[in-house]
Amino acid sequence: MAGFLKSRAVRNPARFSPIDAVFSVEEVGVYKPHPKVYQLAVDRLGIPAAAIAFQSSNAWDAYAASAFGMRVIWCNRYGQRAERLPGAPDRTVRSLAELPALVGAT
């Protein structure tokens, strides 16, 4: 995560408007799929979990965010089987190229 936090997209968010905020598990001292990680987004954004659109290419992460109450899009690039975990993604895409149409950005 440290490399991402130093990336140009994070240092200069005005150039990359789709990024509203960046959070790190370092702030809560635990790793995903612990609920504290997802609660961090709720607390910092000041909105309910159901108002957050969460995207991940990791199935376990997508299912955990869904179980927490977030709206989830799982980018299943490799056709993985669905997890047998609590929660379930609201939508599944094969490529991030599908994401703009799902969020009304086309």
C-alpha atoms as a PDB file:
ATOM      1  CA  MET A   1       0.000   0.000   0.000  1.00  0.00           C
ATOM      2  CA  ALA A   2       2.832   2.391   0.699  1.00  0.00           C
ATOM      3  CA  GLY A   3       3.766   2.437  -3.005  1.00  0.00           C
ATOM      4  CA  PHE A   4       0.201   3.315  -3.944  1.00  0.00           C
ATOM      5  CA  LEU A   5       0.035   6.090  -1.368  1.00  0.00           C
ATOM      6  CA  LYS A   6       3.091   7.648  -3.001  1.00  0.00           C
ATOM      7  CA  SER A   7       1.740   7.296  -6.531  1.00  0.00           C
ATOM      8  CA  ARG A   8       1.018  10.306  -8.714  1.00  0.00           C
ATOM      9  CA  ALA A   9      -2.715   9.586  -8.670  1.00  0.00           C
ATOM     10  CA  VAL A  10      -2.809  10.008  -4.910  1.00  0.00           C
ATOM     11  CA  ARG A  11      -0.379  12.918  -4.660  1.00  0.00           C
ATOM     12  CA  ASN A  12      -2.199  14.887  -7.345  1.00  0.00           C
ATOM     13  CA  PRO A  13      -5.903  13.951  -7.039  1.00  0.00           C
ATOM     14  CA  ALA A  14      -7.076  16.971  -9.040  1.00  0.00           C
ATOM     15  CA  ARG A  15      -5.735  15.282 -12.167  1.00  0.00           C
ATOM     16  CA  PHE A  16      -7.491  12.021 -11.328  1.00  0.00           C
ATOM     17  CA  SER A  17     -10.960  13.126 -10.263  1.00  0.00           C
ATOM     18  CA  PRO A  18     -12.450   9.612  -9.797  1.00  0.00           C
ATOM     19  CA  ILE A  19     -10.467   9.284  -6.549  1.00  0.00           C
ATOM     20  CA  ASP A  20     -12.378  10.934  -3.715  1.00  0.00           C
ATOM     21  CA  ALA A  21     -10.321   9.569  -0.848  1.00  0.00           C
ATOM     22  CA  VAL A  22      -7.582   7.095  -0.023  1.00  0.00           C
ATOM     23  CA  PHE A  23      -7.597   4.996   3.137  1.00  0.00           C
ATOM     24  CA  SER A  24      -5.013   2.637   4.551  1.00  0.00           C
ATOM     25  CA  VAL A  25      -5.468  -0.329   6.871  1.00  0.00           C
ATOM     26  CA  GLU A  26      -2.553   1.135   8.811  1.00  0.00           C
ATOM     27  CA  GLU A  27      -5.059   3.604  10.296  1.00  0.00           C
ATOM     28  CA  VAL A  28      -7.012   0.829  12.049  1.00  0.00           C
ATOM     29  CA  GLY A  29      -4.187  -1.647  12.653  1.00  0.00           C
ATOM     30  CA  VAL A  30      -5.904  -4.682  11.103  1.00  0.00           C
ATOM     31  CA  TYR A  31      -6.202  -6.137   7.626  1.00  0.00           C
ATOM     32  CA  LYS A  32      -9.152  -6.936   5.409  1.00  0.00           C
ATOM     33  CA  PRO A  33     -11.537  -8.667   5.728  1.00  0.00           C
ATOM     34  CA  HIS A  34     -11.783  -7.341   9.315  1.00  0.00           C
ATOM     35  CA  PRO A  35     -14.895  -5.136   9.613  1.00  0.00           C
ATOM     36  CA  LYS A  36     -12.835  -2.251  11.082  1.00  0.00           C
ATOM     37  CA  VAL A  37     -11.313  -1.719   7.647  1.00  0.00           C
ATOM     38  CA  TYR A  38     -14.692  -1.219   5.982  1.00  0.00           C
ATOM     39  CA  GLN A  39     -15.903   0.877   8.932  1.00  0.00           C
ATOM     40  CA  LEU A  40     -12.978   3.222   8.293  1.00  0.00           C
ATOM     41  CA  ALA A  41     -14.515   4.240   4.962  1.00  0.00           C
ATOM     42  CA  VAL A  42     -17.914   4.805   6.587  1.00  0.00           C
ATOM     43  CA  ASP A  43     -16.399   6.934   9.336  1.00  0.00           C
ATOM     44  CA  ARG A  44     -14.102   8.984   7.120  1.00  0.00           C
ATOM     45  CA  LEU A  45     -16.678   9.589   4.386  1.00  0.00           C
ATOM     46  CA  GLY A  46     -19.491  10.216   6.851  1.00  0.00           C
ATOM     47  CA  ILE A  47     -21.999   8.169   4.866  1.00  0.00           C
ATOM     48  CA  PRO A  48     -23.653   4.793   5.469  1.00  0.00           C
ATOM     49  CA  ALA A  49     -22.050   1.623   4.135  1.00  0.00           C
ATOM     50  CA  ALA A  50     -24.946   1.169   1.686  1.00  0.00           C
ATOM     51  CA  ALA A  51     -23.992   4.472   0.022  1.00  0.00           C
ATOM     52  CA  ILE A  52     -20.470   3.273  -0.769  1.00  0.00           C
ATOM     53  CA  ALA A  53     -19.682   1.553  -4.069  1.00  0.00           C
ATOM     54  CA  PHE A  54     -16.823  -0.859  -3.414  1.00  0.00           C
ATOM     55  CA  GLN A  55     -14.885  -2.449  -6.258  1.00  0.00           C
ATOM     56  CA  SER A  56     -12.383  -5.262  -5.913  1.00  0.00           C
ATOM     57  CA  SER A  57     -10.765  -7.964  -7.984  1.00  0.00           C
ATOM     58  CA  ASN A  58     -10.396 -10.105  -4.868  1.00  0.00           C
ATOM     59  CA  ALA A  59     -13.455 -12.253  -4.284  1.00  0.00           C
ATOM     60  CA  TRP A  60     -12.921 -12.545  -0.523  1.00  0.00           C
ATOM     61  CA  ASP A  61     -12.682  -8.750  -0.281  1.00  0.00           C
ATOM     62  CA  ALA A  62     -15.806  -8.225  -2.386  1.00  0.00           C
ATOM     63  CA  TYR A  63     -17.804 -10.683  -0.293  1.00  0.00           C
ATOM     64  CA  ALA A  64     -16.585  -9.177   2.988  1.00  0.00           C
ATOM     65  CA  ALA A  65     -17.470  -5.639   1.878  1.00  0.00           C
ATOM     66  CA  SER A  66     -20.909  -6.885   0.848  1.00  0.00           C
ATOM     67  CA  ALA A  67     -21.424  -8.616   4.188  1.00  0.00           C
ATOM     68  CA  PHE A  68     -20.513  -5.298   5.832  1.00  0.00           C
ATOM     69  CA  GLY A  69     -23.295  -3.616   3.872  1.00  0.00           C
ATOM     70  CA  MET A  70     -21.505  -1.904   0.984  1.00  0.00           C
ATOM     71  CA  ARG A  71     -22.663  -2.059  -2.623  1.00  0.00           C
ATOM     72  CA  VAL A  72     -20.076  -4.203  -4.370  1.00  0.00           C
ATOM     73  CA  ILE A  73     -18.818  -4.767  -7.879  1.00  0.00           C
ATOM     74  CA  TRP A  74     -16.464  -7.721  -8.179  1.00  0.00           C
ATOM     75  CA  CYS A  75     -14.079  -7.598 -11.117  1.00  0.00           C
ATOM     76  CA  ASN A  76     -13.756 -11.321 -11.782  1.00  0.00           C
ATOM     77  CA  ARG A  77     -11.154 -11.172 -14.556  1.00  0.00           C
ATOM     78  CA  TYR A  78     -10.345 -14.846 -14.564  1.00  0.00           C
ATOM     79  CA  GLY A  79     -13.756 -16.451 -14.137  1.00  0.00           C
ATOM     80  CA  GLN A  80     -13.179 -17.585 -10.563  1.00  0.00           C
ATOM     81  CA  ARG A  81     -15.876 -19.516  -8.771  1.00  0.00           C
ATOM     82  CA  ALA A  82     -18.026 -17.576  -6.326  1.00  0.00           C
ATOM     83  CA  GLU A  83     -16.856 -17.644  -2.723  1.00  0.00           C
ATOM     84  CA  ARG A  84     -18.774 -19.516  -0.065  1.00  0.00           C
ATOM     85  CA  LEU A  85     -18.679 -16.602   2.346  1.00  0.00           C
ATOM     86  CA  PRO A  86     -21.269 -14.263   3.828  1.00  0.00           C
ATOM     87  CA  GLY A  87     -22.335 -11.508   1.459  1.00  0.00           C
ATOM     88  CA  ALA A  88     -22.340 -11.466  -2.321  1.00  0.00           C
ATOM     89  CA  PRO A  89     -21.379  -8.868  -4.914  1.00  0.00           C
ATOM     90  CA  ASP A  90     -24.210  -6.793  -6.357  1.00  0.00           C
ATOM     91  CA  ARG A  91     -22.626  -7.053  -9.795  1.00  0.00           C
ATOM     92  CA  THR A  92     -19.777  -8.985 -11.349  1.00  0.00           C
ATOM     93  CA  VAL A  93     -17.768  -7.708 -14.299  1.00  0.00           C
ATOM     94  CA  ARG A  94     -14.940  -9.281 -16.280  1.00  0.00           C
ATOM     95  CA  SER A  95     -13.095  -6.020 -16.895  1.00  0.00           C
ATOM     96  CA  LEU A  96     -12.870  -2.562 -15.370  1.00  0.00           C
ATOM     97  CA  ALA A  97     -13.865  -1.293 -18.811  1.00  0.00           C
ATOM     98  CA  GLU A  98     -17.427  -2.312 -17.838  1.00  0.00           C
ATOM     99  CA  LEU A  99     -17.416  -0.130 -14.733  1.00  0.00           C
ATOM    100  CA  PRO A 100     -18.280   3.298 -16.263  1.00  0.00           C
ATOM    101  CA  ALA A 101     -21.562   1.987 -17.681  1.00  0.00           C
ATOM    102  CA  LEU A 102     -22.512   0.516 -14.286  1.00  0.00           C
ATOM    103  CA  VAL A 103     -21.949   3.774 -12.440  1.00  0.00           C
ATOM    104  CA  GLY A 104     -23.566   5.963 -15.096  1.00  0.00           C
ATOM    105  CA  ALA A 105     -20.346   7.535 -16.328  1.00  0.00           C
ATOM    106  CA  THR A 106     -20.889   6.830 -20.030  1.00  0.00           C
END
